[in-house]
Amino acid sequence: MATLPDARSVYRKGTPGPTCKRHNQLRKATAIAFELFGEFGPDLNISLINRLTQADMSAAAARAGVNPPSSDETRNAVKLLLRVYLTLGRLDLTGQNTMEVADQSLQAALADALGSDRPTTAINPLGLTVLLLPIDRQL
């Protein structure tokens, strides 16, 4: 199981509280969504995502080792991530940017993509593909 770092591990002391809170909220949503994605596997579909309850998310949170979601914003982020996992690789995201990375500088390509307001895919020469989603531009 991969562990995502919490805000204390990422940001310097003195970082504004809302930034840390948002980081931890996204960390929690990512862990829960990934746990649910693994649980449902090929049975995952939009209807199932829409029917997820607080109890479903709390059980997944317990298995993932994070606190259960306590806000609609976090629950909606879980559902959004599940929709991304479901569609990733299955359909063309209309309006998506694709960047061919000419060298090994994936970090530089992602930095260039940060200004985008729609999903951006960066692909390096080895075929490594990274999808950048503009979830929150306040961080």
C-alpha atoms as a PDB file:
ATOM      1  CA  MET A   1       0.000   0.000   0.000  1.00  0.00           C
ATOM      2  CA  ALA A   2       1.395   3.378  -0.972  1.00  0.00           C
ATOM      3  CA  THR A   3       1.151   6.144   1.597  1.00  0.00           C
ATOM      4  CA  LEU A   4       0.533   9.716   0.533  1.00  0.00           C
ATOM      5  CA  PRO A   5       2.265  12.336   2.689  1.00  0.00           C
ATOM      6  CA  ASP A   6       0.135  14.621   4.821  1.00  0.00           C
ATOM      7  CA  ALA A   7       0.475  18.401   4.802  1.00  0.00           C
ATOM      8  CA  ARG A   8       2.913  18.434   7.745  1.00  0.00           C
ATOM      9  CA  SER A   9       5.299  16.280   5.731  1.00  0.00           C
ATOM     10  CA  VAL A  10       5.072  18.452   2.618  1.00  0.00           C
ATOM     11  CA  TYR A  11       4.815  22.106   3.644  1.00  0.00           C
ATOM     12  CA  ARG A  12       7.033  24.352   5.739  1.00  0.00           C
ATOM     13  CA  LYS A  13       5.972  25.512   9.161  1.00  0.00           C
ATOM     14  CA  GLY A  14       3.839  28.630   8.775  1.00  0.00           C
ATOM     15  CA  THR A  15       2.038  27.454   5.631  1.00  0.00           C
ATOM     16  CA  PRO A  16      -1.515  28.867   5.682  1.00  0.00           C
ATOM     17  CA  GLY A  17      -4.068  26.571   7.296  1.00  0.00           C
ATOM     18  CA  PRO A  18      -6.433  26.457   4.294  1.00  0.00           C
ATOM     19  CA  THR A  19      -3.589  25.182   2.076  1.00  0.00           C
ATOM     20  CA  CYS A  20      -2.800  22.380   4.532  1.00  0.00           C
ATOM     21  CA  LYS A  21      -6.467  21.533   4.982  1.00  0.00           C
ATOM     22  CA  ARG A  22      -7.011  21.310   1.212  1.00  0.00           C
ATOM     23  CA  HIS A  23      -3.893  19.146   0.814  1.00  0.00           C
ATOM     24  CA  ASN A  24      -5.115  16.715   3.468  1.00  0.00           C
ATOM     25  CA  GLN A  25      -8.602  16.701   1.969  1.00  0.00           C
ATOM     26  CA  LEU A  26      -7.224  15.764  -1.471  1.00  0.00           C
ATOM     27  CA  ARG A  27      -4.944  13.178   0.141  1.00  0.00           C
ATOM     28  CA  LYS A  28      -7.949  11.585   1.867  1.00  0.00           C
ATOM     29  CA  ALA A  29     -10.111  11.663  -1.284  1.00  0.00           C
ATOM     30  CA  THR A  30      -7.320  10.075  -3.334  1.00  0.00           C
ATOM     31  CA  ALA A  31      -6.796   7.260  -0.821  1.00  0.00           C
ATOM     32  CA  ILE A  32     -10.527   6.515  -0.573  1.00  0.00           C
ATOM     33  CA  ALA A  33     -11.096   6.652  -4.336  1.00  0.00           C
ATOM     34  CA  PHE A  34      -8.162   4.365  -5.034  1.00  0.00           C
ATOM     35  CA  GLU A  35      -9.403   1.891  -2.416  1.00  0.00           C
ATOM     36  CA  LEU A  36     -12.885   1.876  -3.969  1.00  0.00           C
ATOM     37  CA  PHE A  37     -11.416   1.544  -7.467  1.00  0.00           C
ATOM     38  CA  GLY A  38      -9.556  -1.573  -6.340  1.00  0.00           C
ATOM     39  CA  GLU A  39     -12.631  -2.952  -4.585  1.00  0.00           C
ATOM     40  CA  PHE A  40     -14.998  -2.602  -7.549  1.00  0.00           C
ATOM     41  CA  GLY A  41     -12.467  -3.374 -10.288  1.00  0.00           C
ATOM     42  CA  PRO A  42     -14.115  -4.051 -13.666  1.00  0.00           C
ATOM     43  CA  ASP A  43     -17.597  -3.690 -12.116  1.00  0.00           C
ATOM     44  CA  LEU A  44     -17.059   0.042 -11.545  1.00  0.00           C
ATOM     45  CA  ASN A  45     -19.517   2.178 -13.514  1.00  0.00           C
ATOM     46  CA  ILE A  46     -21.089   5.642 -13.331  1.00  0.00           C
ATOM     47  CA  SER A  47     -24.278   4.335 -11.732  1.00  0.00           C
ATOM     48  CA  LEU A  48     -22.299   2.632  -8.958  1.00  0.00           C
ATOM     49  CA  ILE A  49     -20.237   5.788  -8.362  1.00  0.00           C
ATOM     50  CA  ASN A  50     -23.402   7.891  -8.096  1.00  0.00           C
ATOM     51  CA  ARG A  51     -24.906   5.469  -5.535  1.00  0.00           C
ATOM     52  CA  LEU A  52     -21.913   5.504  -3.172  1.00  0.00           C
ATOM     53  CA  THR A  53     -22.940   6.308   0.395  1.00  0.00           C
ATOM     54  CA  GLN A  54     -21.143   7.743   3.394  1.00  0.00           C
ATOM     55  CA  ALA A  55     -20.998   4.183   4.779  1.00  0.00           C
ATOM     56  CA  ASP A  56     -19.275   2.922   1.599  1.00  0.00           C
ATOM     57  CA  MET A  57     -16.729   5.722   1.765  1.00  0.00           C
ATOM     58  CA  SER A  58     -16.165   5.268   5.507  1.00  0.00           C
ATOM     59  CA  ALA A  59     -15.462   1.558   5.036  1.00  0.00           C
ATOM     60  CA  ALA A  60     -13.027   2.321   2.201  1.00  0.00           C
ATOM     61  CA  ALA A  61     -11.375   5.013   4.338  1.00  0.00           C
ATOM     62  CA  ALA A  62     -10.846   2.510   7.153  1.00  0.00           C
ATOM     63  CA  ARG A  63      -9.228   0.034   4.751  1.00  0.00           C
ATOM     64  CA  ALA A  64      -7.051   2.827   3.306  1.00  0.00           C
ATOM     65  CA  GLY A  65      -5.972   3.999   6.753  1.00  0.00           C
ATOM     66  CA  VAL A  66      -7.457   7.502   6.558  1.00  0.00           C
ATOM     67  CA  ASN A  67     -10.315   9.237   8.352  1.00  0.00           C
ATOM     68  CA  PRO A  68     -13.726   8.999   6.706  1.00  0.00           C
ATOM     69  CA  PRO A  69     -14.861  11.967   4.606  1.00  0.00           C
ATOM     70  CA  SER A  70     -16.626  14.566   6.722  1.00  0.00           C
ATOM     71  CA  SER A  71     -17.794  16.995   4.051  1.00  0.00           C
ATOM     72  CA  ASP A  72     -19.701  16.967   0.779  1.00  0.00           C
ATOM     73  CA  GLU A  73     -16.643  18.527  -0.843  1.00  0.00           C
ATOM     74  CA  THR A  74     -14.492  15.493   0.047  1.00  0.00           C
ATOM     75  CA  ARG A  75     -17.213  13.011  -0.949  1.00  0.00           C
ATOM     76  CA  ASN A  76     -17.618  14.799  -4.293  1.00  0.00           C
ATOM     77  CA  ALA A  77     -13.837  14.699  -4.817  1.00  0.00           C
ATOM     78  CA  VAL A  78     -13.902  10.916  -4.252  1.00  0.00           C
ATOM     79  CA  LYS A  79     -16.631  10.541  -6.877  1.00  0.00           C
ATOM     80  CA  LEU A  80     -14.792  12.818  -9.315  1.00  0.00           C
ATOM     81  CA  LEU A  81     -11.600  10.782  -8.949  1.00  0.00           C
ATOM     82  CA  LEU A  82     -13.527   7.541  -9.491  1.00  0.00           C
ATOM     83  CA  ARG A  83     -15.011   8.977 -12.692  1.00  0.00           C
ATOM     84  CA  VAL A  84     -11.505   9.867 -13.848  1.00  0.00           C
ATOM     85  CA  TYR A  85     -10.228   6.349 -13.009  1.00  0.00           C
ATOM     86  CA  LEU A  86     -13.206   4.843 -14.844  1.00  0.00           C
ATOM     87  CA  THR A  87     -12.760   6.844 -18.031  1.00  0.00           C
ATOM     88  CA  LEU A  88      -8.965   7.076 -18.095  1.00  0.00           C
ATOM     89  CA  GLY A  89      -7.743   5.209 -21.128  1.00  0.00           C
ATOM     90  CA  ARG A  90     -11.265   4.368 -22.305  1.00  0.00           C
ATOM     91  CA  LEU A  91     -12.389   7.528 -24.026  1.00  0.00           C
ATOM     92  CA  ASP A  92     -10.997  10.629 -25.581  1.00  0.00           C
ATOM     93  CA  LEU A  93     -11.216  13.594 -23.209  1.00  0.00           C
ATOM     94  CA  THR A  94     -12.473  16.320 -25.526  1.00  0.00           C
ATOM     95  CA  GLY A  95     -10.493  19.487 -25.066  1.00  0.00           C
ATOM     96  CA  GLN A  96      -7.600  17.673 -23.436  1.00  0.00           C
ATOM     97  CA  ASN A  97      -4.096  18.900 -24.169  1.00  0.00           C
ATOM     98  CA  THR A  98      -1.413  16.360 -25.013  1.00  0.00           C
ATOM     99  CA  MET A  99       2.229  17.319 -24.643  1.00  0.00           C
ATOM    100  CA  GLU A 100       4.984  15.257 -26.192  1.00  0.00           C
ATOM    101  CA  VAL A 101       7.982  15.551 -23.883  1.00  0.00           C
ATOM    102  CA  ALA A 102      11.092  15.572 -26.065  1.00  0.00           C
ATOM    103  CA  ASP A 103      13.525  14.689 -23.297  1.00  0.00           C
ATOM    104  CA  GLN A 104      13.424  13.213 -19.813  1.00  0.00           C
ATOM    105  CA  SER A 105      12.259  16.527 -18.299  1.00  0.00           C
ATOM    106  CA  LEU A 106       8.752  15.502 -17.312  1.00  0.00           C
ATOM    107  CA  GLN A 107       8.920  17.896 -14.380  1.00  0.00           C
ATOM    108  CA  ALA A 108       9.448  20.847 -16.742  1.00  0.00           C
ATOM    109  CA  ALA A 109       6.550  19.722 -18.943  1.00  0.00           C
ATOM    110  CA  LEU A 110       4.239  19.488 -15.955  1.00  0.00           C
ATOM    111  CA  ALA A 111       5.313  22.939 -14.809  1.00  0.00           C
ATOM    112  CA  ASP A 112       4.305  24.252 -18.265  1.00  0.00           C
ATOM    113  CA  ALA A 113       0.952  22.475 -17.986  1.00  0.00           C
ATOM    114  CA  LEU A 114       0.089  24.002 -14.606  1.00  0.00           C
ATOM    115  CA  GLY A 115      -1.480  27.028 -16.276  1.00  0.00           C
ATOM    116  CA  SER A 116      -4.026  24.918 -18.121  1.00  0.00           C
ATOM    117  CA  ASP A 117      -7.687  24.947 -17.139  1.00  0.00           C
ATOM    118  CA  ARG A 118      -8.423  21.501 -18.594  1.00  0.00           C
ATOM    119  CA  PRO A 119      -6.899  18.012 -18.247  1.00  0.00           C
ATOM    120  CA  THR A 120      -3.408  17.788 -19.727  1.00  0.00           C
ATOM    121  CA  THR A 121      -1.482  14.634 -20.542  1.00  0.00           C
ATOM    122  CA  ALA A 122       2.318  14.674 -20.687  1.00  0.00           C
ATOM    123  CA  ILE A 123       4.054  11.751 -22.401  1.00  0.00           C
ATOM    124  CA  ASN A 124       7.805  11.184 -22.299  1.00  0.00           C
ATOM    125  CA  PRO A 125       9.824   9.195 -24.910  1.00  0.00           C
ATOM    126  CA  LEU A 126       9.667   6.035 -22.758  1.00  0.00           C
ATOM    127  CA  GLY A 127       5.874   6.106 -22.876  1.00  0.00           C
ATOM    128  CA  LEU A 128       5.350   7.271 -19.298  1.00  0.00           C
ATOM    129  CA  THR A 129       2.080   9.198 -19.305  1.00  0.00           C
ATOM    130  CA  VAL A 130       1.042  11.635 -16.594  1.00  0.00           C
ATOM    131  CA  LEU A 131      -2.434  13.170 -16.412  1.00  0.00           C
ATOM    132  CA  LEU A 132      -2.626  16.569 -14.717  1.00  0.00           C
ATOM    133  CA  LEU A 133      -6.125  17.475 -13.513  1.00  0.00           C
ATOM    134  CA  PRO A 134      -6.920  21.090 -12.608  1.00  0.00           C
ATOM    135  CA  ILE A 135      -8.943  20.257  -9.483  1.00  0.00           C
ATOM    136  CA  ASP A 136      -8.169  23.326  -7.403  1.00  0.00           C
ATOM    137  CA  ARG A 137      -6.276  26.383  -8.576  1.00  0.00           C
ATOM    138  CA  GLN A 138      -6.037  27.877  -5.050  1.00  0.00           C
ATOM    139  CA  LEU A 139      -3.114  25.748  -3.860  1.00  0.00           C
END
